Amino acid sequence: MTKHEPISKGRLSRLAKVSKVAAKIAGKHALHVIKKPLQKKETKKKNESKHKTEIATDLFKTLASLKGSALKAAQLISMEFDFFPDEIKAELKKSYYDVPPLNKAIVRRMIYSQLKSYPETLFESFNLNAFRAASIGQVHECRRLSGEKCALKVQYPGISETIKSDISVLKLLLLKVPIPLIKKASKLIKTYLSELETRFYEESDYLLEKENLIWFRSVNPFKYIKIPKIYSEHCSSKVLCMEFMAAEPIDKWISLNPTQDKKNKIGQLIWDFFVYFLLKHNTIHADPNPGNYMIDKNINLVVIDFGCVKKFDNGFPQQIKKVVSYHLKKDMPKVMSIYNEWNILPDHLKNDINKVENYVKGFRSWITKPFKTPTFCFKKNKNHMNERFSKEFILGREIMYNPNHNFVMFDRNLMGIMNLLNNLEAEIHFHLDVNQCNFT
């Protein structure tokens, strides 16, 4: 792994990089379109894939050179929406697990600038080699002078100063990429990126994450869900000190072949944790990255990284509960009433129940399937997550013309959790009822 260089904060220099690659992509695409009619069928297919790969490489190289929020936002969009060809998705996945670490000298300086002392003075022991890369920082193992083992998260320099410019330049770049679905969904993308901008600012404030951790830990009612304790005296806006949780990330834990009963237990905890905080507190832990869910030796679910937390508008979670119930009953008038309360339908569909019904059939079938039986087994329904990329499901998403900020984080979290449950191959009881959560 290479060293993590400080991020350039100049908006103009970052914009110049994006403008240059956008022009380059547009030029390549124009040439590709001119040549296309003259090619044989076999050659056309081969060149189409080659063209997409070249665009993907140009896009990834530019985002990777910017680092910071631009690349992360593009990765999230590639996971959430079926906009990108496989070639672009493959490029954007390259940096998921290859985050360059900070230079050790920079780590020491960063800690000193925030806590007014170097780590070897603040702690009994401190490992300058990071053991985990977070979304906007890295985590170091250390031991407090009072003996407690802890984890110190140190933010990458320059992250918070580049968020706004990153989102602006990413909007420019994405809308220049010659992919019809992206242009068609430009309003959805702008809403999504605006919400991500707000969440990224919150994630870059470790004092806010500290308060989120303290709150979630104080109201957590689940016996088998653990949330780390905070050591406030070693926290600042860019450094966060918390209890060290000895646990395996969920992906690694799955690779150890736990029993089906253990996988079912963890899967149910993940779902109940989501439902409880959504319906009871109008709030969710909104970063369902597999690295944020870990399993300890006692088969407790350990939840970490509370930088991204979403508080919904009053009433939204209950409306979600109702709309799922209405879809289960195929009660389209009531579904339409909520859709129109949300103002998500284009004007020509707001009163056309039959057309909306035709659009949402595939979506309804997919979203309600896990709720139709006492338990739903992902191991027996291996294709369920892939079905959301079917034409029928995508039709339902296409009519979501004007989604608001509530949908962005709800959809991101729901899909992330469903993917976790799918990877677990868990059999769980799906519900939207706080009283059905298993707290003991």
Protein backbone atom coordinates (compact mmCIF):
# COMPACT_ATOMS: atom_id res chain seq x y z
CA MET A 1 0.00 0.00 0.00
CA THR A 2 1.27 3.43 -0.92
CA LYS A 3 1.36 6.37 1.44
CA HIS A 4 -1.67 8.60 1.66
CA GLU A 5 -0.76 12.06 0.35
CA PRO A 6 -2.41 15.22 1.73
CA ILE A 7 -5.45 16.11 -0.36
CA SER A 8 -5.30 19.15 -2.61
CA LYS A 9 -7.86 21.67 -1.31
CA GLY A 10 -7.96 23.97 -4.37
CA ARG A 11 -11.40 23.89 -5.97
CA LEU A 12 -10.12 25.31 -9.25
CA SER A 13 -7.38 22.72 -9.60
CA ARG A 14 -9.86 19.92 -8.82
CA LEU A 15 -12.41 21.39 -11.25
CA ALA A 16 -9.73 21.65 -13.93
CA LYS A 17 -8.99 17.92 -13.60
CA VAL A 18 -12.66 17.04 -13.97
CA SER A 19 -13.26 19.42 -16.88
CA LYS A 20 -10.28 17.97 -18.70
CA VAL A 21 -11.42 14.36 -18.33
CA ALA A 22 -15.06 15.29 -19.16
CA ALA A 23 -13.87 16.84 -22.44
CA LYS A 24 -11.69 13.79 -23.10
CA ILE A 25 -14.61 11.40 -22.52
CA ALA A 26 -16.95 13.48 -24.70
CA GLY A 27 -14.38 13.47 -27.51
CA LYS A 28 -13.86 9.72 -27.32
CA HIS A 29 -17.61 9.14 -27.31
CA ALA A 30 -18.20 11.40 -30.32
CA LEU A 31 -15.55 9.51 -32.30
CA HIS A 32 -17.03 6.18 -31.16
CA VAL A 33 -20.53 7.20 -32.35
CA ILE A 34 -19.19 8.27 -35.77
CA LYS A 35 -17.39 4.95 -36.31
CA LYS A 36 -20.18 2.73 -34.97
CA PRO A 37 -22.45 2.53 -38.08
CA LEU A 38 -19.52 1.46 -40.26
CA GLN A 39 -18.58 -1.55 -38.14
CA LYS A 40 -19.60 -5.20 -38.46
CA LYS A 41 -21.83 -6.66 -35.73
CA GLU A 42 -19.02 -8.66 -34.07
CA THR A 43 -16.61 -5.73 -34.22
CA LYS A 44 -19.29 -3.35 -32.94
CA LYS A 45 -19.91 -5.48 -29.83
CA LYS A 46 -16.19 -5.79 -29.08
CA ASN A 47 -15.55 -2.08 -29.57
CA GLU A 48 -18.55 -1.14 -27.40
CA SER A 49 -17.07 -3.01 -24.43
CA LYS A 50 -13.63 -1.54 -25.13
CA HIS A 51 -15.13 1.97 -25.30
CA LYS A 52 -16.92 1.55 -21.94
CA THR A 53 -13.73 0.24 -20.35
CA GLU A 54 -11.76 3.26 -21.59
CA ILE A 55 -14.39 5.66 -20.23
CA ALA A 56 -14.41 3.77 -16.93
CA THR A 57 -10.62 3.94 -16.64
CA ASP A 58 -10.58 7.70 -17.35
CA LEU A 59 -13.38 8.24 -14.81
CA PHE A 60 -11.74 6.17 -12.07
CA LYS A 61 -8.26 7.67 -12.52
CA THR A 62 -9.64 11.18 -12.15
CA LEU A 63 -11.75 10.36 -9.07
CA ALA A 64 -8.89 8.42 -7.49
CA SER A 65 -6.53 11.37 -8.00
CA LEU A 66 -9.04 13.65 -6.22
CA LYS A 67 -9.40 11.19 -3.31
CA GLY A 68 -11.81 12.44 -0.62
CA SER A 69 -15.56 12.55 -1.11
CA ALA A 70 -15.71 12.44 -4.91
CA LEU A 71 -14.57 8.83 -5.17
CA LYS A 72 -16.64 7.69 -2.19
CA ALA A 73 -19.82 9.29 -3.58
CA ALA A 74 -19.26 7.71 -7.01
CA GLN A 75 -18.76 4.31 -5.37
CA LEU A 76 -22.00 4.70 -3.40
CA ILE A 77 -23.92 5.65 -6.54
CA SER A 78 -22.52 2.62 -8.33
CA MET A 79 -23.77 0.39 -5.48
CA GLU A 80 -27.18 2.02 -5.07
CA PHE A 81 -28.29 2.44 -8.66
CA ASP A 82 -28.06 0.32 -11.78
CA PHE A 83 -26.84 3.27 -13.85
CA PHE A 84 -23.30 2.23 -14.64
CA PRO A 85 -22.17 -0.47 -17.08
CA ASP A 86 -20.24 -3.35 -15.50
CA GLU A 87 -16.96 -1.89 -16.79
CA ILE A 88 -17.40 1.29 -14.73
CA LYS A 89 -18.61 -0.60 -11.64
CA ALA A 90 -15.50 -2.78 -11.77
CA GLU A 91 -13.24 0.28 -11.86
CA LEU A 92 -15.02 2.00 -8.98
CA LYS A 93 -14.69 -1.12 -6.80
CA LYS A 94 -10.91 -1.05 -7.09
CA SER A 95 -10.32 1.26 -4.14
CA TYR A 96 -12.89 -0.21 -1.70
CA TYR A 97 -10.28 -2.25 0.13
CA ASP A 98 -7.07 -0.45 -0.86
CA VAL A 99 -7.03 2.79 1.13
CA PRO A 100 -3.48 4.17 1.30
CA PRO A 101 -2.38 4.74 4.92
CA LEU A 102 -1.16 8.03 6.31
CA ASN A 103 2.55 8.60 6.74
CA LYS A 104 3.45 7.93 10.39
CA ALA A 105 4.86 11.43 10.82
CA ILE A 106 1.56 12.89 9.58
CA VAL A 107 -0.34 10.72 12.09
CA ARG A 108 1.77 12.10 14.96
CA ARG A 109 1.36 15.69 13.76
CA MET A 110 -2.39 15.23 13.30
CA ILE A 111 -2.78 13.91 16.87
CA TYR A 112 -0.63 16.72 18.27
CA SER A 113 -2.60 19.40 16.39
CA GLN A 114 -5.85 18.03 17.82
CA LEU A 115 -4.93 16.87 21.33
CA LYS A 116 -1.89 19.10 22.04
CA SER A 117 0.34 16.13 22.83
CA TYR A 118 2.02 13.36 20.86
CA PRO A 119 0.56 9.84 21.09
CA GLU A 120 3.49 8.41 23.06
CA THR A 121 2.76 10.99 25.80
CA LEU A 122 -1.02 10.58 25.73
CA PHE A 123 -1.06 6.79 25.79
CA GLU A 124 0.75 3.96 27.53
CA SER A 125 1.22 2.40 24.09
CA PHE A 126 0.30 3.48 20.55
CA ASN A 127 0.71 1.57 17.30
CA LEU A 128 1.52 4.00 14.47
CA ASN A 129 0.52 1.32 11.94
CA ALA A 130 -3.23 1.58 11.32
CA PHE A 131 -5.19 -1.66 11.64
CA ARG A 132 -8.32 -0.43 9.87
CA ALA A 133 -9.22 2.09 7.18
CA ALA A 134 -12.45 3.97 7.81
CA SER A 135 -14.29 5.98 5.17
CA ILE A 136 -12.49 9.25 5.86
CA GLY A 137 -9.83 8.18 8.35
CA GLN A 138 -7.83 5.29 9.74
CA VAL A 139 -7.85 3.52 13.10
CA HIS A 140 -4.92 2.81 15.44
CA GLU A 141 -4.72 0.42 18.37
CA CYS A 142 -3.55 1.99 21.63
CA ARG A 143 -3.76 1.66 25.41
CA ARG A 144 -4.75 4.45 27.79
CA LEU A 145 -2.57 5.41 30.74
CA SER A 146 -5.30 3.96 32.96
CA GLY A 147 -4.94 0.61 31.20
CA GLU A 148 -7.97 0.36 28.90
CA LYS A 149 -7.33 -0.90 25.38
CA CYS A 150 -8.81 1.52 22.86
CA ALA A 151 -9.04 2.46 19.20
CA LEU A 152 -8.10 5.94 17.96
CA LYS A 153 -9.57 7.09 14.66
CA VAL A 154 -7.51 9.76 12.90
CA GLN A 155 -9.02 11.72 10.01
CA TYR A 156 -7.20 12.11 6.72
CA PRO A 157 -5.91 15.70 6.32
CA GLY A 158 -7.93 18.00 4.07
CA ILE A 159 -11.10 15.87 3.88
CA SER A 160 -13.61 18.35 5.27
CA GLU A 161 -12.27 21.25 3.20
CA THR A 162 -12.93 19.48 -0.12
CA ILE A 163 -16.42 18.02 0.35
CA LYS A 164 -18.44 20.81 -1.28
CA SER A 165 -16.12 21.14 -4.27
CA ASP A 166 -15.98 17.35 -4.64
CA ILE A 167 -19.76 17.03 -4.87
CA SER A 168 -19.90 19.93 -7.36
CA VAL A 169 -17.27 18.48 -9.65
CA LEU A 170 -18.76 14.99 -9.40
CA LYS A 171 -22.14 16.34 -10.54
CA LEU A 172 -20.39 17.93 -13.52
CA LEU A 173 -18.50 14.76 -14.37
CA LEU A 174 -21.42 12.34 -14.02
CA LEU A 175 -23.75 14.45 -16.15
CA LYS A 176 -21.08 14.58 -18.87
CA VAL A 177 -20.59 10.81 -18.96
CA PRO A 178 -22.38 9.45 -22.07
CA ILE A 179 -24.69 7.02 -20.24
CA PRO A 180 -28.40 7.56 -21.09
CA LEU A 181 -29.70 6.29 -17.74
CA ILE A 182 -27.62 8.86 -15.85
CA LYS A 183 -28.96 11.73 -17.95
CA LYS A 184 -32.50 10.43 -17.53
CA ALA A 185 -32.07 10.25 -13.75
CA SER A 186 -30.23 13.57 -13.38
CA LYS A 187 -32.76 14.91 -10.85
CA LEU A 188 -32.44 11.76 -8.73
CA ILE A 189 -28.64 11.97 -8.86
CA LYS A 190 -28.64 15.62 -7.80
CA THR A 191 -30.94 14.84 -4.83
CA TYR A 192 -28.74 11.88 -3.87
CA LEU A 193 -25.52 13.89 -4.06
CA SER A 194 -26.99 16.78 -2.07
CA GLU A 195 -27.93 14.39 0.73
CA LEU A 196 -24.50 12.73 0.60
CA GLU A 197 -22.88 16.15 0.89
CA THR A 198 -24.76 16.80 4.15
CA ARG A 199 -23.88 13.35 5.51
CA PHE A 200 -20.21 13.68 4.50
CA TYR A 201 -19.93 16.97 6.42
CA GLU A 202 -21.38 15.24 9.46
CA GLU A 203 -19.02 12.27 9.06
CA SER A 204 -16.03 14.61 9.01
CA ASP A 205 -17.00 16.02 12.43
CA TYR A 206 -15.78 13.45 14.96
CA LEU A 207 -17.29 15.39 17.85
CA LEU A 208 -20.69 14.80 16.27
CA GLU A 209 -19.84 11.12 15.85
CA LYS A 210 -18.84 11.04 19.52
CA GLU A 211 -22.29 12.33 20.51
CA ASN A 212 -23.97 9.83 18.17
CA LEU A 213 -22.06 6.96 19.77
CA ILE A 214 -22.92 8.11 23.30
CA TRP A 215 -26.62 8.44 22.39
CA PHE A 216 -26.95 5.10 20.57
CA ARG A 217 -25.13 3.32 23.39
CA SER A 218 -27.36 4.95 26.04
CA VAL A 219 -30.67 3.94 24.40
CA ASN A 220 -29.62 0.58 22.93
CA PRO A 221 -32.01 -2.03 24.41
CA PHE A 222 -30.48 -5.13 22.77
CA LYS A 223 -28.63 -7.57 25.03
CA TYR A 224 -26.60 -9.02 22.15
CA ILE A 225 -25.77 -5.76 20.34
CA LYS A 226 -22.64 -3.96 21.58
CA ILE A 227 -21.64 -0.35 20.87
CA PRO A 228 -18.19 0.96 21.91
CA LYS A 229 -17.68 3.29 24.84
CA ILE A 230 -16.21 6.74 24.15
CA TYR A 231 -13.19 8.30 25.91
CA SER A 232 -14.08 11.97 25.54
CA GLU A 233 -10.79 13.38 26.87
CA HIS A 234 -9.03 11.99 23.77
CA CYS A 235 -11.58 13.23 21.23
CA SER A 236 -11.66 16.26 18.93
CA SER A 237 -13.28 17.19 15.62
CA LYS A 238 -10.67 15.08 13.76
CA VAL A 239 -9.61 12.47 16.34
CA LEU A 240 -11.97 9.98 18.01
CA CYS A 241 -11.03 7.64 20.88
CA MET A 242 -13.24 4.69 21.73
CA GLU A 243 -13.25 1.30 23.41
CA PHE A 244 -11.42 -1.39 21.44
CA MET A 245 -13.90 -4.07 20.39
CA ALA A 246 -12.32 -7.50 19.86
CA ALA A 247 -14.44 -8.77 17.02
CA GLU A 248 -14.28 -9.96 13.42
CA PRO A 249 -15.78 -7.96 10.52
CA ILE A 250 -18.89 -9.76 9.32
CA ASP A 251 -17.39 -10.78 5.96
CA LYS A 252 -14.43 -12.44 7.65
CA TRP A 253 -16.70 -14.06 10.26
CA ILE A 254 -18.83 -15.57 7.47
CA SER A 255 -15.67 -17.01 5.87
CA LEU A 256 -15.08 -18.98 9.12
CA ASN A 257 -18.24 -21.02 8.36
CA PRO A 258 -20.39 -20.30 11.43
CA THR A 259 -23.44 -22.51 11.99
CA GLN A 260 -26.75 -21.58 10.37
CA ASP A 261 -28.23 -20.83 13.81
CA LYS A 262 -25.47 -18.30 14.51
CA LYS A 263 -25.94 -16.67 11.11
CA ASN A 264 -29.70 -16.49 11.72
CA LYS A 265 -29.11 -14.88 15.13
CA ILE A 266 -26.82 -12.19 13.68
CA GLY A 267 -29.14 -11.59 10.75
CA GLN A 268 -32.13 -11.06 13.04
CA LEU A 269 -30.12 -8.68 15.23
CA ILE A 270 -29.16 -6.60 12.19
CA TRP A 271 -32.79 -6.37 11.05
CA ASP A 272 -34.19 -5.67 14.52
CA PHE A 273 -31.54 -2.98 15.17
CA PHE A 274 -32.63 -1.23 11.96
CA VAL A 275 -36.37 -1.53 12.67
CA TYR A 276 -36.13 -0.49 16.32
CA PHE A 277 -34.21 2.74 15.76
CA LEU A 278 -36.20 3.59 12.61
CA LEU A 279 -39.64 3.25 14.21
CA LYS A 280 -38.87 4.04 17.87
CA HIS A 281 -36.41 6.90 17.43
CA ASN A 282 -36.96 8.10 13.84
CA THR A 283 -33.20 7.61 13.38
CA ILE A 284 -30.89 5.06 11.80
CA HIS A 285 -27.21 4.16 11.71
CA ALA A 286 -26.95 4.99 8.02
CA ASP A 287 -23.69 3.39 6.87
CA PRO A 288 -24.35 -0.32 6.22
CA ASN A 289 -20.76 -0.98 5.14
CA PRO A 290 -19.93 -4.63 6.03
CA GLY A 291 -16.90 -3.35 7.96
CA ASN A 292 -19.22 -1.55 10.40
CA TYR A 293 -20.86 -4.79 11.56
CA MET A 294 -18.63 -7.17 13.53
CA ILE A 295 -19.10 -10.36 15.54
CA ASP A 296 -17.31 -11.10 18.83
CA LYS A 297 -16.46 -14.47 20.39
CA ASN A 298 -19.76 -14.55 22.29
CA ILE A 299 -21.72 -14.08 19.04
CA ASN A 300 -22.67 -10.53 19.89
CA LEU A 301 -23.25 -8.07 17.05
CA VAL A 302 -20.81 -5.15 17.41
CA VAL A 303 -21.88 -1.99 15.56
CA ILE A 304 -19.29 0.74 14.95
CA ASP A 305 -18.75 3.94 12.92
CA PHE A 306 -21.61 6.28 13.82
CA GLY A 307 -20.41 9.18 11.72
CA CYS A 308 -23.25 8.69 9.24
CA VAL A 309 -26.55 8.86 11.14
CA LYS A 310 -29.85 9.90 9.59
CA LYS A 311 -32.78 11.47 11.46
CA PHE A 312 -35.91 11.34 9.33
CA ASP A 313 -38.71 13.86 9.00
CA ASN A 314 -41.50 13.20 11.49
CA GLY A 315 -43.94 10.63 10.15
CA PHE A 316 -41.71 9.23 7.40
CA PRO A 317 -40.90 5.89 9.11
CA GLN A 318 -44.60 5.25 9.82
CA GLN A 319 -45.42 6.05 6.19
CA ILE A 320 -42.84 3.46 5.10
CA LYS A 321 -44.53 0.92 7.37
CA LYS A 322 -47.93 1.78 5.89
CA VAL A 323 -46.86 1.69 2.27
CA VAL A 324 -45.35 -1.80 2.69
CA SER A 325 -48.65 -2.91 4.28
CA TYR A 326 -50.65 -1.39 1.41
CA HIS A 327 -48.43 -3.08 -1.18
CA LEU A 328 -48.95 -6.42 0.59
CA LYS A 329 -52.71 -5.89 0.26
CA LYS A 330 -52.36 -4.51 -3.31
CA ASP A 331 -54.32 -1.49 -2.14
CA MET A 332 -53.24 0.94 -4.88
CA PRO A 333 -55.45 3.89 -3.87
CA LYS A 334 -53.75 4.00 -0.46
CA VAL A 335 -50.31 3.43 -2.02
CA MET A 336 -51.02 6.37 -4.35
CA SER A 337 -52.12 8.57 -1.45
CA ILE A 338 -48.75 8.13 0.25
CA TYR A 339 -46.81 8.51 -3.00
CA ASN A 340 -48.59 11.82 -3.53
CA GLU A 341 -47.94 12.89 0.07
CA TRP A 342 -44.26 12.30 -0.70
CA ASN A 343 -44.66 14.16 -4.01
CA ILE A 344 -42.49 11.60 -5.80
CA LEU A 345 -44.63 11.04 -8.90
CA PRO A 346 -44.42 13.15 -12.08
CA ASP A 347 -47.53 15.26 -12.75
CA HIS A 348 -48.92 12.98 -15.47
CA LEU A 349 -49.01 9.99 -13.08
CA LYS A 350 -50.29 11.59 -9.88
CA ASN A 351 -53.90 10.54 -10.54
CA ASP A 352 -53.35 7.59 -12.88
CA ILE A 353 -53.66 4.53 -10.63
CA ASN A 354 -53.63 2.02 -13.50
CA LYS A 355 -50.39 3.27 -15.01
CA VAL A 356 -48.65 3.48 -11.64
CA GLU A 357 -49.90 -0.05 -10.86
CA ASN A 358 -48.26 -1.34 -14.04
CA TYR A 359 -45.01 0.42 -13.20
CA VAL A 360 -44.76 -0.89 -9.63
CA LYS A 361 -45.72 -4.56 -10.09
CA GLY A 362 -42.12 -5.76 -10.18
CA PHE A 363 -41.06 -3.50 -7.34
CA ARG A 364 -44.06 -4.60 -5.23
CA SER A 365 -43.31 -8.27 -5.81
CA TRP A 366 -39.69 -7.83 -4.71
CA ILE A 367 -40.22 -5.61 -1.66
CA THR A 368 -43.12 -7.63 -0.21
CA LYS A 369 -41.77 -11.16 -0.78
CA PRO A 370 -39.79 -11.38 2.52
CA PHE A 371 -42.86 -10.25 4.50
CA LYS A 372 -45.25 -12.87 3.10
CA THR A 373 -44.06 -15.84 5.18
CA PRO A 374 -43.21 -16.24 8.90
CA THR A 375 -39.50 -16.34 7.99
CA PHE A 376 -37.57 -15.63 4.81
CA CYS A 377 -34.44 -17.61 3.97
CA PHE A 378 -31.84 -15.91 1.79
CA LYS A 379 -30.04 -19.22 1.29
CA LYS A 380 -33.17 -20.63 -0.37
CA ASN A 381 -33.77 -17.38 -2.30
CA LYS A 382 -30.30 -16.84 -3.74
CA ASN A 383 -31.50 -14.65 -6.63
CA HIS A 384 -33.63 -12.29 -4.56
CA MET A 385 -31.08 -9.45 -4.46
CA ASN A 386 -30.33 -9.76 -8.17
CA GLU A 387 -34.02 -9.49 -9.01
CA ARG A 388 -33.95 -5.76 -8.19
CA PHE A 389 -31.94 -5.28 -11.39
CA SER A 390 -34.72 -6.78 -13.51
CA LYS A 391 -36.56 -4.59 -16.00
CA GLU A 392 -39.76 -4.94 -13.97
CA PHE A 393 -38.12 -3.66 -10.77
CA ILE A 394 -36.33 -0.81 -12.56
CA LEU A 395 -39.66 0.34 -14.02
CA GLY A 396 -40.90 0.93 -10.48
CA ARG A 397 -37.82 3.00 -9.63
CA GLU A 398 -38.11 5.07 -12.81
CA ILE A 399 -41.38 6.69 -11.72
CA MET A 400 -39.74 7.99 -8.53
CA TYR A 401 -39.37 11.36 -10.19
CA ASN A 402 -38.81 13.61 -7.20
CA PRO A 403 -37.37 11.66 -4.25
CA ASN A 404 -36.55 13.72 -1.16
CA HIS A 405 -33.69 13.42 1.31
CA ASN A 406 -35.53 10.81 3.41
CA PHE A 407 -35.46 8.28 0.56
CA VAL A 408 -31.76 8.63 -0.16
CA MET A 409 -30.54 7.36 3.21
CA PHE A 410 -33.46 4.99 3.80
CA ASP A 411 -32.90 3.27 0.46
CA ARG A 412 -29.13 3.18 0.96
CA ASN A 413 -29.52 1.60 4.40
CA LEU A 414 -32.24 -0.88 3.42
CA MET A 415 -30.31 -2.15 0.39
CA GLY A 416 -27.10 -2.36 2.42
CA ILE A 417 -28.80 -4.39 5.17
CA MET A 418 -30.47 -6.68 2.64
CA ASN A 419 -27.07 -7.33 1.07
CA LEU A 420 -25.63 -8.18 4.50
CA LEU A 421 -28.47 -10.62 5.17
CA ASN A 422 -27.99 -12.11 1.72
CA ASN A 423 -24.26 -12.61 2.32
CA LEU A 424 -25.10 -14.29 5.64
CA GLU A 425 -27.62 -16.55 3.88
CA ALA A 426 -29.69 -15.93 7.00
CA GLU A 427 -33.23 -17.02 7.73
CA ILE A 428 -35.00 -14.26 9.61
CA HIS A 429 -38.40 -12.91 10.55
CA PHE A 430 -39.06 -9.75 8.54
CA HIS A 431 -41.31 -7.26 10.28
CA LEU A 432 -41.85 -3.54 10.76
CA ASP A 433 -42.92 -3.61 14.39
CA VAL A 434 -40.86 -2.57 17.44
CA ASN A 435 -42.79 -5.04 19.59
CA GLN A 436 -41.55 -7.94 17.46
CA CYS A 437 -37.85 -7.10 17.98
CA ASN A 438 -35.91 -9.65 20.03
CA PHE A 439 -34.18 -7.67 22.78
CA THR A 440 -33.06 -10.61 24.97
